Amino acid sequence: MNSFGSIFRVTIWGESHGECVGVSIDGVPAGIALSVEDFAEDLARRASGRRGTTPRREPDQPKIVSGVYEGRTTGAPLTVLFENTNTRSGDYSNLVRQPR
């Protein structure tokens, strides 16, 4: 888990070979329009097949699990999950003892 920020407190958690990864953002004001479609452009930039990205193909479909109700932020911490659907830890067995 990695946390940073003071106005917005951002915590990133999970493992690339675990069930999911996610982010929680505390300090988001209530009333801001937000939907999973708002993440599409940023997610497209990190999609596999581009330079500096993973070769794994995954849908990167965000799931907002808290902090949004009826399309608007609530003021509660915003939490977004991304399920890992293509985990093959064996592909990285040659790197098990190498820091990354």
PDB file of N, CA and C in Angstrom:
ATOM      1  N   MET A   1       0.849  -1.166   0.000  1.00  0.00           N
ATOM      2  CA  MET A   1       0.000   0.000   0.000  1.00  0.00           C
ATOM      3  C   MET A   1       0.895   1.230   0.000  1.00  0.00           C
ATOM      4  N   ASN A   2       0.511   2.239  -0.759  1.00  0.00           N
ATOM      5  CA  ASN A   2       1.275   3.467  -0.876  1.00  0.00           C
ATOM      6  C   ASN A   2       0.302   4.632  -0.774  1.00  0.00           C
ATOM      7  N   SER A   3       0.541   5.542   0.177  1.00  0.00           N
ATOM      8  CA  SER A   3      -0.328   6.707   0.360  1.00  0.00           C
ATOM      9  C   SER A   3       0.475   7.984   0.197  1.00  0.00           C
ATOM     10  N   PHE A   4      -0.166   8.988  -0.375  1.00  0.00           N
ATOM     11  CA  PHE A   4       0.485  10.286  -0.523  1.00  0.00           C
ATOM     12  C   PHE A   4      -0.580  11.364  -0.641  1.00  0.00           C
ATOM     13  N   GLY A   5      -0.176  12.617  -0.436  1.00  0.00           N
ATOM     14  CA  GLY A   5      -1.061  13.760  -0.590  1.00  0.00           C
ATOM     15  C   GLY A   5      -1.532  14.326   0.731  1.00  0.00           C
ATOM     16  N   SER A   6      -1.986  15.572   0.698  1.00  0.00           N
ATOM     17  CA  SER A   6      -2.521  16.184   1.909  1.00  0.00           C
ATOM     18  C   SER A   6      -3.929  16.738   1.681  1.00  0.00           C
ATOM     19  N   ILE A   7      -4.176  17.439   0.581  1.00  0.00           N
ATOM     20  CA  ILE A   7      -5.535  17.906   0.302  1.00  0.00           C
ATOM     21  C   ILE A   7      -6.384  16.722  -0.149  1.00  0.00           C
ATOM     22  N   PHE A   8      -5.861  15.977  -1.119  1.00  0.00           N
ATOM     23  CA  PHE A   8      -6.445  14.700  -1.510  1.00  0.00           C
ATOM     24  C   PHE A   8      -5.495  13.634  -1.002  1.00  0.00           C
ATOM     25  N   ARG A   9      -5.958  12.739  -0.176  1.00  0.00           N
ATOM     26  CA  ARG A   9      -5.121  11.650   0.333  1.00  0.00           C
ATOM     27  C   ARG A   9      -5.367  10.440  -0.561  1.00  0.00           C
ATOM     28  N   VAL A  10      -4.340  10.032  -1.303  1.00  0.00           N
ATOM     29  CA  VAL A  10      -4.463   8.960  -2.290  1.00  0.00           C
ATOM     30  C   VAL A  10      -3.749   7.722  -1.775  1.00  0.00           C
ATOM     31  N   THR A  11      -4.440   6.602  -1.778  1.00  0.00           N
ATOM     32  CA  THR A  11      -3.847   5.328  -1.383  1.00  0.00           C
ATOM     33  C   THR A  11      -4.019   4.344  -2.527  1.00  0.00           C
ATOM     34  N   ILE A  12      -2.902   3.811  -2.997  1.00  0.00           N
ATOM     35  CA  ILE A  12      -2.893   2.809  -4.068  1.00  0.00           C
ATOM     36  C   ILE A  12      -2.576   1.471  -3.418  1.00  0.00           C
ATOM     37  N   TRP A  13      -3.308   0.434  -3.756  1.00  0.00           N
ATOM     38  CA  TRP A  13      -3.121  -0.853  -3.097  1.00  0.00           C
ATOM     39  C   TRP A  13      -3.369  -1.999  -4.070  1.00  0.00           C
ATOM     40  N   GLY A  14      -2.931  -3.186  -3.656  1.00  0.00           N
ATOM     41  CA  GLY A  14      -3.113  -4.406  -4.442  1.00  0.00           C
ATOM     42  C   GLY A  14      -1.819  -4.836  -5.100  1.00  0.00           C
ATOM     43  N   GLU A  15      -1.871  -5.986  -5.748  1.00  0.00           N
ATOM     44  CA  GLU A  15      -0.702  -6.548  -6.430  1.00  0.00           C
ATOM     45  C   GLU A  15      -1.086  -6.899  -7.861  1.00  0.00           C
ATOM     46  N   SER A  16      -0.115  -6.807  -8.747  1.00  0.00           N
ATOM     47  CA  SER A  16      -0.400  -7.089 -10.151  1.00  0.00           C
ATOM     48  C   SER A  16      -0.811  -8.539 -10.378  1.00  0.00           C
ATOM     49  N   HIS A  17      -0.436  -9.422  -9.464  1.00  0.00           N
ATOM     50  CA  HIS A  17      -0.821 -10.828  -9.617  1.00  0.00           C
ATOM     51  C   HIS A  17      -1.842 -11.253  -8.578  1.00  0.00           C
ATOM     52  N   GLY A  18      -2.416 -10.289  -7.872  1.00  0.00           N
ATOM     53  CA  GLY A  18      -3.486 -10.568  -6.930  1.00  0.00           C
ATOM     54  C   GLY A  18      -4.833 -10.481  -7.619  1.00  0.00           C
ATOM     55  N   GLU A  19      -5.891 -10.548  -6.831  1.00  0.00           N
ATOM     56  CA  GLU A  19      -7.245 -10.515  -7.368  1.00  0.00           C
ATOM     57  C   GLU A  19      -7.582  -9.170  -8.022  1.00  0.00           C
ATOM     58  N   CYS A  20      -7.072  -8.079  -7.418  1.00  0.00           N
ATOM     59  CA  CYS A  20      -7.360  -6.760  -7.973  1.00  0.00           C
ATOM     60  C   CYS A  20      -6.349  -5.737  -7.463  1.00  0.00           C
ATOM     61  N   VAL A  21      -6.361  -4.584  -8.086  1.00  0.00           N
ATOM     62  CA  VAL A  21      -5.629  -3.414  -7.611  1.00  0.00           C
ATOM     63  C   VAL A  21      -6.662  -2.304  -7.483  1.00  0.00           C
ATOM     64  N   GLY A  22      -6.318  -1.281  -6.729  1.00  0.00           N
ATOM     65  CA  GLY A  22      -7.284  -0.212  -6.570  1.00  0.00           C
ATOM     66  C   GLY A  22      -6.676   1.052  -6.031  1.00  0.00           C
ATOM     67  N   VAL A  23      -7.524   2.051  -5.953  1.00  0.00           N
ATOM     68  CA  VAL A  23      -7.135   3.347  -5.418  1.00  0.00           C
ATOM     69  C   VAL A  23      -8.273   3.865  -4.546  1.00  0.00           C
ATOM     70  N   SER A  24      -7.907   4.477  -3.427  1.00  0.00           N
ATOM     71  CA  SER A  24      -8.865   5.175  -2.580  1.00  0.00           C
ATOM     72  C   SER A  24      -8.402   6.618  -2.476  1.00  0.00           C
ATOM     73  N   ILE A  25      -9.320   7.540  -2.676  1.00  0.00           N
ATOM     74  CA  ILE A  25      -9.000   8.965  -2.626  1.00  0.00           C
ATOM     75  C   ILE A  25      -9.911   9.617  -1.601  1.00  0.00           C
ATOM     76  N   ASP A  26      -9.300  10.140  -0.550  1.00  0.00           N
ATOM     77  CA  ASP A  26     -10.040  10.838   0.495  1.00  0.00           C
ATOM     78  C   ASP A  26      -9.901  12.335   0.247  1.00  0.00           C
ATOM     79  N   GLY A  27     -10.958  13.085   0.500  1.00  0.00           N
ATOM     80  CA  GLY A  27     -10.915  14.531   0.315  1.00  0.00           C
ATOM     81  C   GLY A  27     -11.640  15.007  -0.930  1.00  0.00           C
ATOM     82  N   VAL A  28     -12.268  14.092  -1.653  1.00  0.00           N
ATOM     83  CA  VAL A  28     -13.024  14.477  -2.850  1.00  0.00           C
ATOM     84  C   VAL A  28     -14.320  15.152  -2.388  1.00  0.00           C
ATOM     85  N   PRO A  29     -14.578  16.379  -2.808  1.00  0.00           N
ATOM     86  CA  PRO A  29     -15.800  17.064  -2.387  1.00  0.00           C
ATOM     87  C   PRO A  29     -17.053  16.380  -2.932  1.00  0.00           C
ATOM     88  N   ALA A  30     -18.148  16.559  -2.241  1.00  0.00           N
ATOM     89  CA  ALA A  30     -19.433  16.022  -2.692  1.00  0.00           C
ATOM     90  C   ALA A  30     -19.942  16.822  -3.886  1.00  0.00           C
ATOM     91  N   GLY A  31     -20.697  16.134  -4.755  1.00  0.00           N
ATOM     92  CA  GLY A  31     -21.402  16.803  -5.834  1.00  0.00           C
ATOM     93  C   GLY A  31     -20.722  16.840  -7.187  1.00  0.00           C
ATOM     94  N   ILE A  32     -19.542  16.232  -7.322  1.00  0.00           N
ATOM     95  CA  ILE A  32     -18.839  16.222  -8.605  1.00  0.00           C
ATOM     96  C   ILE A  32     -19.362  15.065  -9.457  1.00  0.00           C
ATOM     97  N   ALA A  33     -19.742  15.347 -10.702  1.00  0.00           N
ATOM     98  CA  ALA A  33     -20.203  14.289 -11.602  1.00  0.00           C
ATOM     99  C   ALA A  33     -19.035  13.347 -11.899  1.00  0.00           C
ATOM    100  N   LEU A  34     -19.268  12.040 -11.758  1.00  0.00           N
ATOM    101  CA  LEU A  34     -18.210  11.057 -11.994  1.00  0.00           C
ATOM    102  C   LEU A  34     -18.820   9.723 -12.398  1.00  0.00           C
ATOM    103  N   SER A  35     -18.256   9.132 -13.458  1.00  0.00           N
ATOM    104  CA  SER A  35     -18.683   7.802 -13.894  1.00  0.00           C
ATOM    105  C   SER A  35     -17.457   7.035 -14.363  1.00  0.00           C
ATOM    106  N   VAL A  36     -17.600   5.745 -14.588  1.00  0.00           N
ATOM    107  CA  VAL A  36     -16.468   4.942 -15.053  1.00  0.00           C
ATOM    108  C   VAL A  36     -15.974   5.426 -16.418  1.00  0.00           C
ATOM    109  N   GLU A  37     -16.834   6.033 -17.209  1.00  0.00           N
ATOM    110  CA  GLU A  37     -16.425   6.549 -18.515  1.00  0.00           C
ATOM    111  C   GLU A  37     -15.384   7.665 -18.386  1.00  0.00           C
ATOM    112  N   ASP A  38     -15.357   8.347 -17.262  1.00  0.00           N
ATOM    113  CA  ASP A  38     -14.382   9.422 -17.049  1.00  0.00           C
ATOM    114  C   ASP A  38     -12.947   8.904 -16.991  1.00  0.00           C
ATOM    115  N   PHE A  39     -12.775   7.612 -16.803  1.00  0.00           N
ATOM    116  CA  PHE A  39     -11.447   7.012 -16.723  1.00  0.00           C
ATOM    117  C   PHE A  39     -10.946   6.509 -18.082  1.00  0.00           C
ATOM    118  N   ALA A  40     -11.803   6.461 -19.083  1.00  0.00           N
ATOM    119  CA  ALA A  40     -11.500   5.789 -20.356  1.00  0.00           C
ATOM    120  C   ALA A  40     -10.249   6.319 -21.052  1.00  0.00           C
ATOM    121  N   GLU A  41     -10.099   7.621 -21.171  1.00  0.00           N
ATOM    122  CA  GLU A  41      -8.953   8.185 -21.897  1.00  0.00           C
ATOM    123  C   GLU A  41      -7.630   7.832 -21.214  1.00  0.00           C
ATOM    124  N   ASP A  42      -7.587   7.955 -19.896  1.00  0.00           N
ATOM    125  CA  ASP A  42      -6.360   7.616 -19.166  1.00  0.00           C
ATOM    126  C   ASP A  42      -6.049   6.128 -19.262  1.00  0.00           C
ATOM    127  N   LEU A  43      -7.067   5.291 -19.178  1.00  0.00           N
ATOM    128  CA  LEU A  43      -6.846   3.847 -19.265  1.00  0.00           C
ATOM    129  C   LEU A  43      -6.381   3.441 -20.660  1.00  0.00           C
ATOM    130  N   ALA A  44      -6.864   4.115 -21.679  1.00  0.00           N
ATOM    131  CA  ALA A  44      -6.438   3.800 -23.051  1.00  0.00           C
ATOM    132  C   ALA A  44      -4.947   4.064 -23.232  1.00  0.00           C
ATOM    133  N   ARG A  45      -4.415   5.080 -22.554  1.00  0.00           N
ATOM    134  CA  ARG A  45      -2.993   5.400 -22.675  1.00  0.00           C
ATOM    135  C   ARG A  45      -2.103   4.319 -22.093  1.00  0.00           C
ATOM    136  N   ARG A  46      -2.583   3.561 -21.126  1.00  0.00           N
ATOM    137  CA  ARG A  46      -1.747   2.535 -20.513  1.00  0.00           C
ATOM    138  C   ARG A  46      -2.096   1.127 -21.015  1.00  0.00           C
ATOM    139  N   ALA A  47      -2.942   1.024 -22.013  1.00  0.00           N
ATOM    140  CA  ALA A  47      -3.351  -0.279 -22.542  1.00  0.00           C
ATOM    141  C   ALA A  47      -2.148  -1.045 -23.077  1.00  0.00           C
ATOM    142  N   SER A  48      -2.231  -2.352 -22.998  1.00  0.00           N
ATOM    143  CA  SER A  48      -1.120  -3.191 -23.454  1.00  0.00           C
ATOM    144  C   SER A  48      -0.869  -2.998 -24.941  1.00  0.00           C
ATOM    145  N   GLY A  49       0.360  -3.356 -25.331  1.00  0.00           N
ATOM    146  CA  GLY A  49       0.734  -3.248 -26.728  1.00  0.00           C
ATOM    147  C   GLY A  49       1.430  -1.949 -27.075  1.00  0.00           C
ATOM    148  N   ARG A  50       1.505  -1.038 -26.132  1.00  0.00           N
ATOM    149  CA  ARG A  50       2.199   0.224 -26.366  1.00  0.00           C
ATOM    150  C   ARG A  50       3.530   0.208 -25.626  1.00  0.00           C
ATOM    151  N   ARG A  51       4.451   1.037 -26.062  1.00  0.00           N
ATOM    152  CA  ARG A  51       5.774   1.108 -25.451  1.00  0.00           C
ATOM    153  C   ARG A  51       5.657   1.408 -23.951  1.00  0.00           C
ATOM    154  N   GLY A  52       6.390   0.641 -23.146  1.00  0.00           N
ATOM    155  CA  GLY A  52       6.409   0.860 -21.708  1.00  0.00           C
ATOM    156  C   GLY A  52       5.230   0.273 -20.962  1.00  0.00           C
ATOM    157  N   THR A  53       4.433  -0.555 -21.637  1.00  0.00           N
ATOM    158  CA  THR A  53       3.278  -1.160 -20.977  1.00  0.00           C
ATOM    159  C   THR A  53       3.472  -2.660 -20.869  1.00  0.00           C
ATOM    160  N   THR A  54       2.581  -3.291 -20.139  1.00  0.00           N
ATOM    161  CA  THR A  54       2.619  -4.734 -19.951  1.00  0.00           C
ATOM    162  C   THR A  54       2.171  -5.456 -21.221  1.00  0.00           C
ATOM    163  N   PRO A  55       2.709  -6.647 -21.485  1.00  0.00           N
ATOM    164  CA  PRO A  55       2.213  -7.423 -22.622  1.00  0.00           C
ATOM    165  C   PRO A  55       0.884  -8.123 -22.309  1.00  0.00           C
ATOM    166  N   ARG A  56       0.502  -8.148 -21.034  1.00  0.00           N
ATOM    167  CA  ARG A  56      -0.748  -8.812 -20.663  1.00  0.00           C
ATOM    168  C   ARG A  56      -1.941  -8.017 -21.183  1.00  0.00           C
ATOM    169  N   ARG A  57      -2.925  -8.719 -21.688  1.00  0.00           N
ATOM    170  CA  ARG A  57      -4.136  -8.071 -22.175  1.00  0.00           C
ATOM    171  C   ARG A  57      -5.221  -8.237 -21.112  1.00  0.00           C
ATOM    172  N   GLU A  58      -5.673  -7.096 -20.590  1.00  0.00           N
ATOM    173  CA  GLU A  58      -6.746  -7.092 -19.605  1.00  0.00           C
ATOM    174  C   GLU A  58      -7.687  -5.940 -19.936  1.00  0.00           C
ATOM    175  N   PRO A  59      -8.953  -6.062 -19.575  1.00  0.00           N
ATOM    176  CA  PRO A  59      -9.907  -5.022 -19.951  1.00  0.00           C
ATOM    177  C   PRO A  59      -9.748  -3.699 -19.191  1.00  0.00           C
ATOM    178  N   ASP A  60      -9.103  -3.692 -18.037  1.00  0.00           N
ATOM    179  CA  ASP A  60      -8.956  -2.479 -17.227  1.00  0.00           C
ATOM    180  C   ASP A  60     -10.286  -1.758 -17.044  1.00  0.00           C
ATOM    181  N   GLN A  61     -11.290  -2.496 -16.644  1.00  0.00           N
ATOM    182  CA  GLN A  61     -12.613  -1.923 -16.418  1.00  0.00           C
ATOM    183  C   GLN A  61     -12.710  -1.454 -14.969  1.00  0.00           C
ATOM    184  N   PRO A  62     -12.797  -0.138 -14.728  1.00  0.00           N
ATOM    185  CA  PRO A  62     -12.885   0.340 -13.353  1.00  0.00           C
ATOM    186  C   PRO A  62     -14.246   0.015 -12.744  1.00  0.00           C
ATOM    187  N   LYS A  63     -14.231  -0.223 -11.443  1.00  0.00           N
ATOM    188  CA  LYS A  63     -15.470  -0.458 -10.705  1.00  0.00           C
ATOM    189  C   LYS A  63     -15.458   0.489  -9.509  1.00  0.00           C
ATOM    190  N   ILE A  64     -16.335   1.471  -9.517  1.00  0.00           N
ATOM    191  CA  ILE A  64     -16.429   2.413  -8.406  1.00  0.00           C
ATOM    192  C   ILE A  64     -17.221   1.730  -7.297  1.00  0.00           C
ATOM    193  N   VAL A  65     -16.588   1.547  -6.136  1.00  0.00           N
ATOM    194  CA  VAL A  65     -17.245   0.812  -5.052  1.00  0.00           C
ATOM    195  C   VAL A  65     -17.645   1.701  -3.877  1.00  0.00           C
ATOM    196  N   SER A  66     -17.139   2.926  -3.822  1.00  0.00           N
ATOM    197  CA  SER A  66     -17.595   3.848  -2.779  1.00  0.00           C
ATOM    198  C   SER A  66     -17.306   5.279  -3.195  1.00  0.00           C
ATOM    199  N   GLY A  67     -18.065   6.193  -2.614  1.00  0.00           N
ATOM    200  CA  GLY A  67     -17.836   7.610  -2.844  1.00  0.00           C
ATOM    201  C   GLY A  67     -18.638   8.227  -3.970  1.00  0.00           C
ATOM    202  N   VAL A  68     -19.460   7.424  -4.654  1.00  0.00           N
ATOM    203  CA  VAL A  68     -20.303   7.940  -5.737  1.00  0.00           C
ATOM    204  C   VAL A  68     -21.702   7.351  -5.582  1.00  0.00           C
ATOM    205  N   TYR A  69     -22.700   8.213  -5.702  1.00  0.00           N
ATOM    206  CA  TYR A  69     -24.092   7.775  -5.662  1.00  0.00           C
ATOM    207  C   TYR A  69     -24.842   8.536  -6.742  1.00  0.00           C
ATOM    208  N   GLU A  70     -25.539   7.798  -7.582  1.00  0.00           N
ATOM    209  CA  GLU A  70     -26.313   8.366  -8.688  1.00  0.00           C
ATOM    210  C   GLU A  70     -25.483   9.340  -9.525  1.00  0.00           C
ATOM    211  N   GLY A  71     -24.219   8.938  -9.796  1.00  0.00           N
ATOM    212  CA  GLY A  71     -23.370   9.691 -10.705  1.00  0.00           C
ATOM    213  C   GLY A  71     -22.679  10.912 -10.126  1.00  0.00           C
ATOM    214  N   ARG A  72     -22.762  11.105  -8.817  1.00  0.00           N
ATOM    215  CA  ARG A  72     -22.114  12.256  -8.173  1.00  0.00           C
ATOM    216  C   ARG A  72     -21.351  11.799  -6.936  1.00  0.00           C
ATOM    217  N   THR A  73     -20.206  12.449  -6.713  1.00  0.00           N
ATOM    218  CA  THR A  73     -19.424  12.107  -5.522  1.00  0.00           C
ATOM    219  C   THR A  73     -20.214  12.480  -4.274  1.00  0.00           C
ATOM    220  N   THR A  74     -19.975  11.714  -3.201  1.00  0.00           N
ATOM    221  CA  THR A  74     -20.736  11.897  -1.961  1.00  0.00           C
ATOM    222  C   THR A  74     -19.957  12.628  -0.874  1.00  0.00           C
ATOM    223  N   GLY A  75     -18.657  12.769  -1.051  1.00  0.00           N
ATOM    224  CA  GLY A  75     -17.812  13.317   0.007  1.00  0.00           C
ATOM    225  C   GLY A  75     -17.128  12.227   0.809  1.00  0.00           C
ATOM    226  N   ALA A  76     -17.612  10.997   0.673  1.00  0.00           N
ATOM    227  CA  ALA A  76     -16.947   9.841   1.300  1.00  0.00           C
ATOM    228  C   ALA A  76     -15.724   9.485   0.454  1.00  0.00           C
ATOM    229  N   PRO A  77     -14.777   8.735   1.008  1.00  0.00           N
ATOM    230  CA  PRO A  77     -13.620   8.337   0.195  1.00  0.00           C
ATOM    231  C   PRO A  77     -14.065   7.634  -1.099  1.00  0.00           C
ATOM    232  N   LEU A  78     -13.465   8.033  -2.196  1.00  0.00           N
ATOM    233  CA  LEU A  78     -13.730   7.429  -3.500  1.00  0.00           C
ATOM    234  C   LEU A  78     -12.825   6.210  -3.634  1.00  0.00           C
ATOM    235  N   THR A  79     -13.408   5.054  -3.878  1.00  0.00           N
ATOM    236  CA  THR A  79     -12.626   3.829  -4.046  1.00  0.00           C
ATOM    237  C   THR A  79     -12.971   3.198  -5.385  1.00  0.00           C
ATOM    238  N   VAL A  80     -11.928   2.916  -6.159  1.00  0.00           N
ATOM    239  CA  VAL A  80     -12.095   2.327  -7.490  1.00  0.00           C
ATOM    240  C   VAL A  80     -11.253   1.062  -7.561  1.00  0.00           C
ATOM    241  N   LEU A  81     -11.857  -0.051  -8.002  1.00  0.00           N
ATOM    242  CA  LEU A  81     -11.173  -1.338  -8.159  1.00  0.00           C
ATOM    243  C   LEU A  81     -10.936  -1.631  -9.630  1.00  0.00           C
ATOM    244  N   PHE A  82      -9.859  -2.361  -9.872  1.00  0.00           N
ATOM    245  CA  PHE A  82      -9.565  -2.893 -11.201  1.00  0.00           C
ATOM    246  C   PHE A  82      -9.233  -4.364 -11.014  1.00  0.00           C
ATOM    247  N   GLU A  83     -10.088  -5.245 -11.519  1.00  0.00           N
ATOM    248  CA  GLU A  83      -9.836  -6.680 -11.379  1.00  0.00           C
ATOM    249  C   GLU A  83      -8.697  -7.112 -12.286  1.00  0.00           C
ATOM    250  N   ASN A  84      -7.851  -7.988 -11.763  1.00  0.00           N
ATOM    251  CA  ASN A  84      -6.803  -8.616 -12.568  1.00  0.00           C
ATOM    252  C   ASN A  84      -7.397  -9.883 -13.165  1.00  0.00           C
ATOM    253  N   THR A  85      -7.547  -9.902 -14.469  1.00  0.00           N
ATOM    254  CA  THR A  85      -8.185 -11.049 -15.118  1.00  0.00           C
ATOM    255  C   THR A  85      -7.204 -11.926 -15.873  1.00  0.00           C
ATOM    256  N   ASN A  86      -5.943 -11.505 -15.963  1.00  0.00           N
ATOM    257  CA  ASN A  86      -4.963 -12.261 -16.740  1.00  0.00           C
ATOM    258  C   ASN A  86      -3.671 -12.384 -15.932  1.00  0.00           C
ATOM    259  N   THR A  87      -3.756 -13.061 -14.806  1.00  0.00           N
ATOM    260  CA  THR A  87      -2.571 -13.212 -13.956  1.00  0.00           C
ATOM    261  C   THR A  87      -1.918 -14.554 -14.230  1.00  0.00           C
ATOM    262  N   ARG A  88      -0.679 -14.500 -14.664  1.00  0.00           N
ATOM    263  CA  ARG A  88       0.100 -15.715 -14.911  1.00  0.00           C
ATOM    264  C   ARG A  88       1.465 -15.511 -14.259  1.00  0.00           C
ATOM    265  N   SER A  89       1.514 -15.702 -12.961  1.00  0.00           N
ATOM    266  CA  SER A  89       2.747 -15.458 -12.215  1.00  0.00           C
ATOM    267  C   SER A  89       3.914 -16.264 -12.754  1.00  0.00           C
ATOM    268  N   GLY A  90       3.654 -17.420 -13.326  1.00  0.00           N
ATOM    269  CA  GLY A  90       4.717 -18.257 -13.878  1.00  0.00           C
ATOM    270  C   GLY A  90       5.523 -17.554 -14.954  1.00  0.00           C
ATOM    271  N   ASP A  91       4.902 -16.596 -15.639  1.00  0.00           N
ATOM    272  CA  ASP A  91       5.609 -15.840 -16.676  1.00  0.00           C
ATOM    273  C   ASP A  91       6.776 -15.040 -16.106  1.00  0.00           C
ATOM    274  N   TYR A  92       6.755 -14.815 -14.804  1.00  0.00           N
ATOM    275  CA  TYR A  92       7.771 -13.980 -14.168  1.00  0.00           C
ATOM    276  C   TYR A  92       8.678 -14.780 -13.240  1.00  0.00           C
ATOM    277  N   SER A  93       8.640 -16.106 -13.321  1.00  0.00           N
ATOM    278  CA  SER A  93       9.423 -16.945 -12.405  1.00  0.00           C
ATOM    279  C   SER A  93      10.921 -16.674 -12.517  1.00  0.00           C
ATOM    280  N   ASN A  94      11.395 -16.272 -13.673  1.00  0.00           N
ATOM    281  CA  ASN A  94      12.824 -15.985 -13.827  1.00  0.00           C
ATOM    282  C   ASN A  94      13.224 -14.677 -13.132  1.00  0.00           C
ATOM    283  N   LEU A  95      12.257 -13.895 -12.679  1.00  0.00           N
ATOM    284  CA  LEU A  95      12.548 -12.618 -12.019  1.00  0.00           C
ATOM    285  C   LEU A  95      12.299 -12.655 -10.512  1.00  0.00           C
ATOM    286  N   VAL A  96      11.993 -13.823  -9.982  1.00  0.00           N
ATOM    287  CA  VAL A  96      11.583 -13.930  -8.581  1.00  0.00           C
ATOM    288  C   VAL A  96      12.622 -13.371  -7.609  1.00  0.00           C
ATOM    289  N   ARG A  97      13.878 -13.460  -7.925  1.00  0.00           N
ATOM    290  CA  ARG A  97      14.925 -12.976  -7.032  1.00  0.00           C
ATOM    291  C   ARG A  97      15.528 -11.644  -7.490  1.00  0.00           C
ATOM    292  N   GLN A  98      14.892 -11.003  -8.442  1.00  0.00           N
ATOM    293  CA  GLN A  98      15.398  -9.732  -8.961  1.00  0.00           C
ATOM    294  C   GLN A  98      14.505  -8.592  -8.483  1.00  0.00           C
ATOM    295  N   PRO A  99      15.115  -7.552  -7.915  1.00  0.00           N
ATOM    296  CA  PRO A  99      14.290  -6.398  -7.530  1.00  0.00           C
ATOM    297  C   PRO A  99      13.717  -5.718  -8.767  1.00  0.00           C
ATOM    298  N   ARG A 100      12.458  -5.328  -8.671  1.00  0.00           N
ATOM    299  CA  ARG A 100      11.816  -4.638  -9.788  1.00  0.00           C
ATOM    300  C   ARG A 100      11.109  -3.416  -9.272  1.00  0.00           C
TER     301      ARG A 100
END
